[in-house]
Amino acid sequence: MSLGDAPSFEGADWIWHANGQRQGAKVAFRAELDLPQGEIEKAGIVFSCDDSAVFSVNGREVARQTDGKLWYTPTAVLDLKQSNLSPGRNVIDVAAENNASCAAFIAVAEVTYRDGRIVRLPTGVRGWKASLEGGPFAEPSVIGTYGCRPYGKFTSK
C-alpha cells in the first residue's frame, strides 16, 4: 500500500503534551469522531509518532507504530469501516511514547460516504486531548503544522 492511498496529512498538526518532551514520557491522546447515518464507502487513518504509538478505535487496536518503525514512515489503515466504526460517537485512543527528547504525534481519520460526504478529523487543538502519564486530559500542545521542521512532509512512495 502506498501513502498515496491514505488520507492526506494536510491540515493536521504535530501535537504532544506540553510537559511530555522528555525521554520515556507516555502520552495518551483521545478524540471523538461523530459519524452521521449513511453508507460508508471508505474509512481510514494515517498517523506517525516520534517515537511510538498504538492506535485504537472504539476500544479495538487497529494499528501500531513500534519496534523500530520510525516517525518518517507513517502507518495507514484503510479498512476501518468493516469492523470499527458505527454511526454516532466513535472514540479514538492513542498510546504514545517518547524515547528521546523530541516528541510529536500526527494523524488524520477520514470517512467518505457513498453520497459524497466526507468526515475528517486531523490532529490539532480542536477535537483532540492529551494526557501525560495517566493524568487528566487537556488540550494538546501544537509542535507545528504538517510540513514543519524537523518533520517536513512525507513522500508517497
Protein backbone atom coordinates (compact mmCIF):
# COMPACT_ATOMS: atom_id res chain seq x y z
CA MET A 1 0.00 0.00 0.00
CA SER A 2 1.30 3.43 -0.82
CA LEU A 3 0.81 6.53 1.29
CA GLY A 4 -0.99 7.96 -1.74
CA ASP A 5 -4.00 5.74 -0.92
CA ALA A 6 -4.27 7.09 2.64
CA PRO A 7 -5.95 10.28 3.86
CA SER A 8 -3.78 13.38 3.39
CA PHE A 9 -1.92 14.90 6.34
CA GLU A 10 -2.77 18.40 5.03
CA GLY A 11 -4.48 20.45 7.76
CA ALA A 12 -3.11 18.30 10.60
CA ASP A 13 -0.79 19.48 13.37
CA TRP A 14 2.02 17.63 15.11
CA ILE A 15 0.85 17.55 18.75
CA TRP A 16 2.13 16.37 22.15
CA HIS A 17 1.52 17.03 25.81
CA ALA A 18 3.06 20.34 26.92
CA ASN A 19 5.04 18.64 29.72
CA GLY A 20 6.00 15.44 27.90
CA GLN A 21 9.07 16.47 25.89
CA ARG A 22 11.38 14.11 27.76
CA GLN A 23 12.75 10.62 27.35
CA GLY A 24 10.36 7.88 28.41
CA ALA A 25 7.27 10.13 28.58
CA LYS A 26 4.00 8.29 27.91
CA VAL A 27 1.19 10.37 26.44
CA ALA A 28 -2.36 9.28 25.69
CA PHE A 29 -4.37 11.09 23.03
CA ARG A 30 -8.15 10.92 22.70
CA ALA A 31 -10.61 12.24 20.15
CA GLU A 32 -14.25 11.63 19.31
CA LEU A 33 -15.36 11.12 15.74
CA ASP A 34 -19.11 11.73 15.38
CA LEU A 35 -20.46 9.97 12.32
CA PRO A 36 -23.85 10.52 10.73
CA GLN A 37 -26.05 7.72 9.40
CA GLY A 38 -25.31 6.62 5.88
CA GLU A 39 -23.47 4.05 3.83
CA ILE A 40 -19.71 4.36 4.29
CA GLU A 41 -17.75 3.92 1.09
CA LYS A 42 -14.33 4.00 2.70
CA ALA A 43 -12.74 4.90 6.02
CA GLY A 44 -9.12 5.11 7.01
CA ILE A 45 -6.49 6.59 9.26
CA VAL A 46 -2.92 7.62 8.71
CA PHE A 47 -0.56 8.54 11.55
CA SER A 48 3.01 8.92 12.62
CA CYS A 49 4.66 9.34 16.00
CA ASP A 50 8.07 10.42 17.19
CA ASP A 51 8.67 7.76 18.68
CA SER A 52 5.99 5.03 19.01
CA ALA A 53 2.19 4.72 19.16
CA VAL A 54 -0.65 2.23 19.39
CA PHE A 55 -3.86 3.44 17.68
CA SER A 56 -7.29 2.15 18.80
CA VAL A 57 -10.83 2.86 17.62
CA ASN A 58 -13.75 2.10 19.95
CA GLY A 59 -11.50 0.09 22.26
CA ARG A 60 -10.07 -2.05 19.47
CA GLU A 61 -6.44 -1.80 18.39
CA VAL A 62 -6.22 -1.07 14.66
CA ALA A 63 -2.53 -0.25 14.18
CA ARG A 64 0.79 0.25 15.88
CA GLN A 65 4.00 2.05 15.07
CA THR A 66 6.54 0.36 17.31
CA ASP A 67 9.57 -1.89 17.26
CA GLY A 68 11.85 0.42 15.36
CA LYS A 69 9.38 1.77 12.79
CA LEU A 70 10.48 5.39 12.63
CA TRP A 71 8.34 8.53 12.53
CA TYR A 72 9.23 9.22 8.88
CA THR A 73 7.44 6.01 7.85
CA PRO A 74 3.74 6.73 8.52
CA THR A 75 1.29 3.96 9.32
CA ALA A 76 -2.01 3.75 7.40
CA VAL A 77 -5.11 1.61 7.89
CA LEU A 78 -7.62 1.87 5.07
CA ASP A 79 -10.33 -0.64 6.02
CA LEU A 80 -11.77 0.79 9.24
CA LYS A 81 -15.37 0.68 8.03
CA GLN A 82 -15.54 -3.11 8.18
CA SER A 83 -15.47 -3.57 11.94
CA ASN A 84 -14.52 -0.45 13.82
CA LEU A 85 -16.84 2.45 13.00
CA SER A 86 -20.55 2.99 13.57
CA PRO A 87 -22.98 5.91 13.29
CA GLY A 88 -22.79 8.22 16.31
CA ARG A 89 -19.86 8.65 18.68
CA ASN A 90 -16.63 6.77 17.91
CA VAL A 91 -13.69 7.09 20.30
CA ILE A 92 -10.11 7.22 19.06
CA ASP A 93 -7.39 6.44 21.61
CA VAL A 94 -3.65 6.56 21.02
CA ALA A 95 -1.00 5.38 23.47
CA ALA A 96 2.24 7.16 22.52
CA GLU A 97 5.72 7.08 23.97
CA ASN A 98 8.76 9.28 23.58
CA ASN A 99 12.17 7.58 23.51
CA ALA A 100 14.29 10.75 23.26
CA SER A 101 13.99 14.49 23.87
CA CYS A 102 11.88 15.47 20.83
CA ALA A 103 8.32 14.12 20.58
CA ALA A 104 5.24 14.63 18.40
CA PHE A 105 2.20 12.80 17.02
CA ILE A 106 0.20 13.49 13.84
CA ALA A 107 -2.89 11.74 12.47
CA VAL A 108 -5.90 12.06 10.19
CA ALA A 109 -9.04 9.95 10.32
CA GLU A 110 -11.27 10.23 7.26
CA VAL A 111 -14.64 8.69 6.42
CA THR A 112 -16.18 9.00 2.95
CA TYR A 113 -19.84 8.22 2.38
CA ARG A 114 -21.39 6.90 -0.84
CA ASP A 115 -23.30 10.19 -1.23
CA GLY A 116 -20.00 12.14 -1.28
CA ARG A 117 -19.99 13.46 2.31
CA ILE A 118 -16.59 13.38 4.00
CA VAL A 119 -15.96 13.48 7.74
CA ARG A 120 -12.33 14.33 8.53
CA LEU A 121 -10.55 14.56 11.88
CA PRO A 122 -6.94 15.84 11.74
CA THR A 123 -4.83 16.20 14.89
CA GLY A 124 -4.80 19.65 16.46
CA VAL A 125 -6.25 21.51 19.43
CA ARG A 126 -9.78 21.09 18.02
CA GLY A 127 -11.13 17.67 18.85
CA TRP A 128 -8.02 16.15 20.45
CA LYS A 129 -6.96 15.89 24.10
CA ALA A 130 -3.68 14.72 25.66
CA SER A 131 -2.91 13.05 28.99
CA LEU A 132 0.58 12.68 30.45
CA GLU A 133 1.37 9.52 32.43
CA GLY A 134 -2.32 8.82 33.20
CA GLY A 135 -3.13 12.37 34.33
CA PRO A 136 -6.19 14.34 33.28
CA PHE A 137 -6.89 15.00 29.61
CA ALA A 138 -6.25 18.58 28.46
CA GLU A 139 -5.69 20.50 25.25
CA PRO A 140 -2.55 19.23 23.50
CA SER A 141 0.43 21.40 22.70
CA VAL A 142 0.95 22.06 18.99
CA ILE A 143 4.53 21.33 17.93
CA GLY A 144 3.87 22.62 14.39
CA THR A 145 1.67 22.18 11.36
CA TYR A 146 2.21 19.37 8.87
CA GLY A 147 5.39 20.16 6.95
CA CYS A 148 7.12 21.97 9.85
CA ARG A 149 10.73 21.35 10.88
CA PRO A 150 12.16 18.91 11.72
CA TYR A 151 9.42 16.66 10.29
CA GLY A 152 8.76 18.06 6.83
CA LYS A 153 6.31 16.29 4.52
CA PHE A 154 6.04 12.56 3.84
CA THR A 155 6.62 11.15 0.38
CA SER A 156 4.01 8.92 -1.26
CA LYS A 157 6.42 6.07 -2.08
